[in-house]
Amino acid sequence: METNQDLFFQSNTHLFLRIDGIYYQRNNGKGWTIIREEQLPTDVIWSPLTKKLQTVFLPVLKDEGLLNG
């Protein structure tokens, strides 16, 4: 995978995104949190973040003030 490619990972308990090198974790209930790479599960298997998923997640991250642009 490209080093600056946007990615997502769905675990049994959480959803994770990597956008522009920043890691995000979906909170239980509502909201997202910026996390460090060390906080990711050890078994993470990333998939490319498709345009369809971008249209779902990016506006929410922008609304929460976690993503510029």
PDB file of N, CA and C in Angstrom:
ATOM      1  N   MET A   1       0.833  -1.171   0.000  1.00  0.00           N
ATOM      2  CA  MET A   1       0.000   0.000   0.000  1.00  0.00           C
ATOM      3  C   MET A   1       0.885   1.243   0.000  1.00  0.00           C
ATOM      4  N   GLU A   2       0.390   2.280  -0.600  1.00  0.00           N
ATOM      5  CA  GLU A   2       1.124   3.534  -0.616  1.00  0.00           C
ATOM      6  C   GLU A   2       1.158   4.123   0.788  1.00  0.00           C
ATOM      7  N   THR A   3       2.249   4.797   1.125  1.00  0.00           N
ATOM      8  CA  THR A   3       2.402   5.305   2.484  1.00  0.00           C
ATOM      9  C   THR A   3       1.392   6.390   2.824  1.00  0.00           C
ATOM     10  N   ASN A   4       0.924   7.158   1.850  1.00  0.00           N
ATOM     11  CA  ASN A   4      -0.045   8.212   2.143  1.00  0.00           C
ATOM     12  C   ASN A   4      -1.440   7.891   1.612  1.00  0.00           C
ATOM     13  N   GLN A   5      -1.698   6.633   1.334  1.00  0.00           N
ATOM     14  CA  GLN A   5      -3.016   6.211   0.867  1.00  0.00           C
ATOM     15  C   GLN A   5      -3.988   6.194   2.048  1.00  0.00           C
ATOM     16  N   ASP A   6      -5.217   6.650   1.816  1.00  0.00           N
ATOM     17  CA  ASP A   6      -6.233   6.623   2.857  1.00  0.00           C
ATOM     18  C   ASP A   6      -6.760   5.198   3.004  1.00  0.00           C
ATOM     19  N   LEU A   7      -6.893   4.748   4.267  1.00  0.00           N
ATOM     20  CA  LEU A   7      -7.222   3.351   4.544  1.00  0.00           C
ATOM     21  C   LEU A   7      -8.299   3.241   5.614  1.00  0.00           C
ATOM     22  N   PHE A   8      -8.932   2.059   5.677  1.00  0.00           N
ATOM     23  CA  PHE A   8      -9.856   1.767   6.770  1.00  0.00           C
ATOM     24  C   PHE A   8      -9.682   0.326   7.217  1.00  0.00           C
ATOM     25  N   PHE A   9     -10.105   0.069   8.466  1.00  0.00           N
ATOM     26  CA  PHE A   9     -10.067  -1.271   9.033  1.00  0.00           C
ATOM     27  C   PHE A   9     -11.245  -1.418   9.979  1.00  0.00           C
ATOM     28  N   GLN A  10     -12.011  -2.475   9.826  1.00  0.00           N
ATOM     29  CA  GLN A  10     -13.154  -2.774  10.699  1.00  0.00           C
ATOM     30  C   GLN A  10     -12.785  -3.972  11.558  1.00  0.00           C
ATOM     31  N   SER A  11     -12.666  -3.755  12.865  1.00  0.00           N
ATOM     32  CA  SER A  11     -12.417  -4.873  13.780  1.00  0.00           C
ATOM     33  C   SER A  11     -13.755  -5.343  14.338  1.00  0.00           C
ATOM     34  N   ASN A  12     -13.715  -6.294  15.248  1.00  0.00           N
ATOM     35  CA  ASN A  12     -14.952  -6.759  15.880  1.00  0.00           C
ATOM     36  C   ASN A  12     -15.583  -5.692  16.762  1.00  0.00           C
ATOM     37  N   THR A  13     -14.787  -4.748  17.216  1.00  0.00           N
ATOM     38  CA  THR A  13     -15.293  -3.757  18.163  1.00  0.00           C
ATOM     39  C   THR A  13     -15.236  -2.315  17.677  1.00  0.00           C
ATOM     40  N   HIS A  14     -14.345  -1.988  16.753  1.00  0.00           N
ATOM     41  CA  HIS A  14     -14.162  -0.598  16.344  1.00  0.00           C
ATOM     42  C   HIS A  14     -13.907  -0.487  14.839  1.00  0.00           C
ATOM     43  N   LEU A  15     -14.063   0.729  14.373  1.00  0.00           N
ATOM     44  CA  LEU A  15     -13.715   1.084  13.004  1.00  0.00           C
ATOM     45  C   LEU A  15     -12.545   2.054  13.082  1.00  0.00           C
ATOM     46  N   PHE A  16     -11.541   1.834  12.239  1.00  0.00           N
ATOM     47  CA  PHE A  16     -10.360   2.686  12.217  1.00  0.00           C
ATOM     48  C   PHE A  16     -10.169   3.247  10.819  1.00  0.00           C
ATOM     49  N   LEU A  17      -9.699   4.493  10.756  1.00  0.00           N
ATOM     50  CA  LEU A  17      -9.357   5.121   9.490  1.00  0.00           C
ATOM     51  C   LEU A  17      -7.940   5.657   9.580  1.00  0.00           C
ATOM     52  N   ARG A  18      -7.259   5.704   8.435  1.00  0.00           N
ATOM     53  CA  ARG A  18      -5.999   6.437   8.322  1.00  0.00           C
ATOM     54  C   ARG A  18      -6.175   7.378   7.152  1.00  0.00           C
ATOM     55  N   ILE A  19      -6.193   8.662   7.441  1.00  0.00           N
ATOM     56  CA  ILE A  19      -6.386   9.678   6.415  1.00  0.00           C
ATOM     57  C   ILE A  19      -5.249  10.677   6.540  1.00  0.00           C
ATOM     58  N   ASP A  20      -4.518  10.877   5.455  1.00  0.00           N
ATOM     59  CA  ASP A  20      -3.365  11.784   5.437  1.00  0.00           C
ATOM     60  C   ASP A  20      -2.386  11.478   6.566  1.00  0.00           C
ATOM     61  N   GLY A  21      -2.210  10.190   6.876  1.00  0.00           N
ATOM     62  CA  GLY A  21      -1.253   9.777   7.892  1.00  0.00           C
ATOM     63  C   GLY A  21      -1.737   9.918   9.324  1.00  0.00           C
ATOM     64  N   ILE A  22      -2.976  10.344   9.519  1.00  0.00           N
ATOM     65  CA  ILE A  22      -3.551  10.494  10.856  1.00  0.00           C
ATOM     66  C   ILE A  22      -4.524   9.343  11.091  1.00  0.00           C
ATOM     67  N   TYR A  23      -4.457   8.754  12.290  1.00  0.00           N
ATOM     68  CA  TYR A  23      -5.301   7.603  12.619  1.00  0.00           C
ATOM     69  C   TYR A  23      -6.518   8.052  13.424  1.00  0.00           C
ATOM     70  N   TYR A  24      -7.673   7.518  13.067  1.00  0.00           N
ATOM     71  CA  TYR A  24      -8.939   7.834  13.729  1.00  0.00           C
ATOM     72  C   TYR A  24      -9.598   6.537  14.183  1.00  0.00           C
ATOM     73  N   GLN A  25     -10.230   6.596  15.344  1.00  0.00           N
ATOM     74  CA  GLN A  25     -10.984   5.448  15.857  1.00  0.00           C
ATOM     75  C   GLN A  25     -12.413   5.894  16.099  1.00  0.00           C
ATOM     76  N   ARG A  26     -13.355   5.105  15.620  1.00  0.00           N
ATOM     77  CA  ARG A  26     -14.778   5.390  15.840  1.00  0.00           C
ATOM     78  C   ARG A  26     -15.117   5.034  17.267  1.00  0.00           C
ATOM     79  N   ASN A  27     -15.696   5.979  17.991  1.00  0.00           N
ATOM     80  CA  ASN A  27     -16.099   5.746  19.375  1.00  0.00           C
ATOM     81  C   ASN A  27     -17.405   4.975  19.414  1.00  0.00           C
ATOM     82  N   ASN A  28     -17.603   4.229  20.483  1.00  0.00           N
ATOM     83  CA  ASN A  28     -18.898   3.581  20.689  1.00  0.00           C
ATOM     84  C   ASN A  28     -19.935   4.675  20.885  1.00  0.00           C
ATOM     85  N   GLY A  29     -21.062   4.534  20.227  1.00  0.00           N
ATOM     86  CA  GLY A  29     -22.085   5.566  20.286  1.00  0.00           C
ATOM     87  C   GLY A  29     -21.890   6.566  19.175  1.00  0.00           C
ATOM     88  N   LYS A  30     -21.294   7.710  19.489  1.00  0.00           N
ATOM     89  CA  LYS A  30     -21.124   8.759  18.494  1.00  0.00           C
ATOM     90  C   LYS A  30     -19.737   9.362  18.604  1.00  0.00           C
ATOM     91  N   GLY A  31     -19.176   9.705  17.479  1.00  0.00           N
ATOM     92  CA  GLY A  31     -17.938  10.454  17.471  1.00  0.00           C
ATOM     93  C   GLY A  31     -16.710   9.648  17.096  1.00  0.00           C
ATOM     94  N   TRP A  32     -15.650  10.384  16.832  1.00  0.00           N
ATOM     95  CA  TRP A  32     -14.366   9.832  16.441  1.00  0.00           C
ATOM     96  C   TRP A  32     -13.297  10.416  17.342  1.00  0.00           C
ATOM     97  N   THR A  33     -12.181   9.696  17.468  1.00  0.00           N
ATOM     98  CA  THR A  33     -11.036  10.137  18.244  1.00  0.00           C
ATOM     99  C   THR A  33      -9.783   9.959  17.402  1.00  0.00           C
ATOM    100  N   ILE A  34      -8.888  10.932  17.473  1.00  0.00           N
ATOM    101  CA  ILE A  34      -7.572  10.776  16.854  1.00  0.00           C
ATOM    102  C   ILE A  34      -6.728   9.928  17.799  1.00  0.00           C
ATOM    103  N   ILE A  35      -6.076   8.910  17.249  1.00  0.00           N
ATOM    104  CA  ILE A  35      -5.246   8.016  18.060  1.00  0.00           C
ATOM    105  C   ILE A  35      -3.845   7.925  17.462  1.00  0.00           C
ATOM    106  N   ARG A  36      -2.932   7.361  18.233  1.00  0.00           N
ATOM    107  CA  ARG A  36      -1.569   7.124  17.751  1.00  0.00           C
ATOM    108  C   ARG A  36      -1.486   5.735  17.125  1.00  0.00           C
ATOM    109  N   GLU A  37      -0.514   5.544  16.287  1.00  0.00           N
ATOM    110  CA  GLU A  37      -0.326   4.251  15.629  1.00  0.00           C
ATOM    111  C   GLU A  37      -0.172   3.128  16.652  1.00  0.00           C
ATOM    112  N   GLU A  38       0.463   3.411  17.779  1.00  0.00           N
ATOM    113  CA  GLU A  38       0.678   2.407  18.820  1.00  0.00           C
ATOM    114  C   GLU A  38      -0.633   1.922  19.441  1.00  0.00           C
ATOM    115  N   GLN A  39      -1.706   2.682  19.294  1.00  0.00           N
ATOM    116  CA  GLN A  39      -2.999   2.321  19.874  1.00  0.00           C
ATOM    117  C   GLN A  39      -3.825   1.411  18.962  1.00  0.00           C
ATOM    118  N   LEU A  40      -3.341   1.158  17.768  1.00  0.00           N
ATOM    119  CA  LEU A  40      -4.061   0.288  16.838  1.00  0.00           C
ATOM    120  C   LEU A  40      -3.955  -1.167  17.278  1.00  0.00           C
ATOM    121  N   PRO A  41      -4.944  -1.979  16.941  1.00  0.00           N
ATOM    122  CA  PRO A  41      -4.834  -3.411  17.228  1.00  0.00           C
ATOM    123  C   PRO A  41      -3.619  -4.008  16.506  1.00  0.00           C
ATOM    124  N   THR A  42      -3.028  -5.021  17.095  1.00  0.00           N
ATOM    125  CA  THR A  42      -1.850  -5.631  16.477  1.00  0.00           C
ATOM    126  C   THR A  42      -2.200  -6.418  15.224  1.00  0.00           C
ATOM    127  N   ASP A  43      -3.453  -6.817  15.085  1.00  0.00           N
ATOM    128  CA  ASP A  43      -3.862  -7.627  13.933  1.00  0.00           C
ATOM    129  C   ASP A  43      -4.526  -6.813  12.820  1.00  0.00           C
ATOM    130  N   VAL A  44      -4.261  -5.507  12.794  1.00  0.00           N
ATOM    131  CA  VAL A  44      -4.909  -4.637  11.813  1.00  0.00           C
ATOM    132  C   VAL A  44      -4.542  -5.046  10.381  1.00  0.00           C
ATOM    133  N   ILE A  45      -5.550  -5.142   9.543  1.00  0.00           N
ATOM    134  CA  ILE A  45      -5.364  -5.422   8.113  1.00  0.00           C
ATOM    135  C   ILE A  45      -6.096  -4.315   7.360  1.00  0.00           C
ATOM    136  N   TRP A  46      -5.343  -3.389   6.813  1.00  0.00           N
ATOM    137  CA  TRP A  46      -5.913  -2.216   6.160  1.00  0.00           C
ATOM    138  C   TRP A  46      -6.468  -2.545   4.785  1.00  0.00           C
ATOM    139  N   SER A  47      -7.493  -1.810   4.418  1.00  0.00           N
ATOM    140  CA  SER A  47      -8.060  -1.844   3.069  1.00  0.00           C
ATOM    141  C   SER A  47      -8.110  -0.413   2.559  1.00  0.00           C
ATOM    142  N   PRO A  48      -8.012  -0.220   1.249  1.00  0.00           N
ATOM    143  CA  PRO A  48      -8.105   1.141   0.713  1.00  0.00           C
ATOM    144  C   PRO A  48      -9.461   1.766   1.050  1.00  0.00           C
ATOM    145  N   LEU A  49      -9.441   3.047   1.355  1.00  0.00           N
ATOM    146  CA  LEU A  49     -10.671   3.788   1.626  1.00  0.00           C
ATOM    147  C   LEU A  49     -11.263   4.211   0.284  1.00  0.00           C
ATOM    148  N   THR A  50     -12.354   3.589  -0.099  1.00  0.00           N
ATOM    149  CA  THR A  50     -12.963   3.842  -1.405  1.00  0.00           C
ATOM    150  C   THR A  50     -13.653   5.203  -1.426  1.00  0.00           C
ATOM    151  N   LYS A  51     -13.937   5.680  -2.619  1.00  0.00           N
ATOM    152  CA  LYS A  51     -14.656   6.954  -2.777  1.00  0.00           C
ATOM    153  C   LYS A  51     -16.007   6.901  -2.075  1.00  0.00           C
ATOM    154  N   LYS A  52     -16.674   5.755  -2.153  1.00  0.00           N
ATOM    155  CA  LYS A  52     -17.983   5.606  -1.510  1.00  0.00           C
ATOM    156  C   LYS A  52     -17.860   5.776   0.002  1.00  0.00           C
ATOM    157  N   LEU A  53     -16.841   5.140   0.602  1.00  0.00           N
ATOM    158  CA  LEU A  53     -16.639   5.277   2.042  1.00  0.00           C
ATOM    159  C   LEU A  53     -16.187   6.684   2.413  1.00  0.00           C
ATOM    160  N   GLN A  54     -15.411   7.327   1.532  1.00  0.00           N
ATOM    161  CA  GLN A  54     -14.993   8.704   1.791  1.00  0.00           C
ATOM    162  C   GLN A  54     -16.200   9.621   1.919  1.00  0.00           C
ATOM    163  N   THR A  55     -17.205   9.419   1.061  1.00  0.00           N
ATOM    164  CA  THR A  55     -18.394  10.276   1.114  1.00  0.00           C
ATOM    165  C   THR A  55     -19.181  10.060   2.405  1.00  0.00           C
ATOM    166  N   VAL A  56     -18.999   8.910   3.043  1.00  0.00           N
ATOM    167  CA  VAL A  56     -19.676   8.633   4.312  1.00  0.00           C
ATOM    168  C   VAL A  56     -18.897   9.234   5.484  1.00  0.00           C
ATOM    169  N   PHE A  57     -17.597   8.982   5.550  1.00  0.00           N
ATOM    170  CA  PHE A  57     -16.816   9.315   6.735  1.00  0.00           C
ATOM    171  C   PHE A  57     -16.239  10.728   6.748  1.00  0.00           C
ATOM    172  N   LEU A  58     -15.765  11.239   5.623  1.00  0.00           N
ATOM    173  CA  LEU A  58     -15.082  12.528   5.626  1.00  0.00           C
ATOM    174  C   LEU A  58     -15.959  13.680   6.104  1.00  0.00           C
ATOM    175  N   PRO A  59     -17.221  13.783   5.679  1.00  0.00           N
ATOM    176  CA  PRO A  59     -18.052  14.880   6.201  1.00  0.00           C
ATOM    177  C   PRO A  59     -18.239  14.826   7.720  1.00  0.00           C
ATOM    178  N   VAL A  60     -18.326  13.627   8.272  1.00  0.00           N
ATOM    179  CA  VAL A  60     -18.485  13.483   9.726  1.00  0.00           C
ATOM    180  C   VAL A  60     -17.227  13.961  10.442  1.00  0.00           C
ATOM    181  N   LEU A  61     -16.060  13.560   9.947  1.00  0.00           N
ATOM    182  CA  LEU A  61     -14.802  14.001  10.560  1.00  0.00           C
ATOM    183  C   LEU A  61     -14.657  15.514  10.462  1.00  0.00           C
ATOM    184  N   LYS A  62     -15.065  16.096   9.337  1.00  0.00           N
ATOM    185  CA  LYS A  62     -15.014  17.556   9.180  1.00  0.00           C
ATOM    186  C   LYS A  62     -15.968  18.231  10.154  1.00  0.00           C
ATOM    187  N   ASP A  63     -17.179  17.703  10.293  1.00  0.00           N
ATOM    188  CA  ASP A  63     -18.167  18.278  11.216  1.00  0.00           C
ATOM    189  C   ASP A  63     -17.682  18.238  12.662  1.00  0.00           C
ATOM    190  N   GLU A  64     -16.917  17.221  13.002  1.00  0.00           N
ATOM    191  CA  GLU A  64     -16.396  17.086  14.366  1.00  0.00           C
ATOM    192  C   GLU A  64     -15.106  17.879  14.567  1.00  0.00           C
ATOM    193  N   GLY A  65     -14.639  18.572  13.520  1.00  0.00           N
ATOM    194  CA  GLY A  65     -13.444  19.393  13.630  1.00  0.00           C
ATOM    195  C   GLY A  65     -12.150  18.614  13.652  1.00  0.00           C
ATOM    196  N   LEU A  66     -12.187  17.364  13.201  1.00  0.00           N
ATOM    197  CA  LEU A  66     -10.992  16.515  13.218  1.00  0.00           C
ATOM    198  C   LEU A  66     -10.267  16.482  11.885  1.00  0.00           C
ATOM    199  N   LEU A  67     -10.889  17.046  10.852  1.00  0.00           N
ATOM    200  CA  LEU A  67     -10.317  16.979   9.511  1.00  0.00           C
ATOM    201  C   LEU A  67     -10.485  18.330   8.847  1.00  0.00           C
ATOM    202  N   ASN A  68      -9.410  18.862   8.295  1.00  0.00           N
ATOM    203  CA  ASN A  68      -9.472  20.142   7.590  1.00  0.00           C
ATOM    204  C   ASN A  68      -9.857  19.931   6.143  1.00  0.00           C
ATOM    205  N   GLY A  69     -10.351  20.980   5.536  1.00  0.00           N
ATOM    206  CA  GLY A  69     -10.629  20.936   4.099  1.00  0.00           C
ATOM    207  C   GLY A  69     -12.022  20.635   3.827  1.00  0.00           C
TER     208      GLY A  69
END
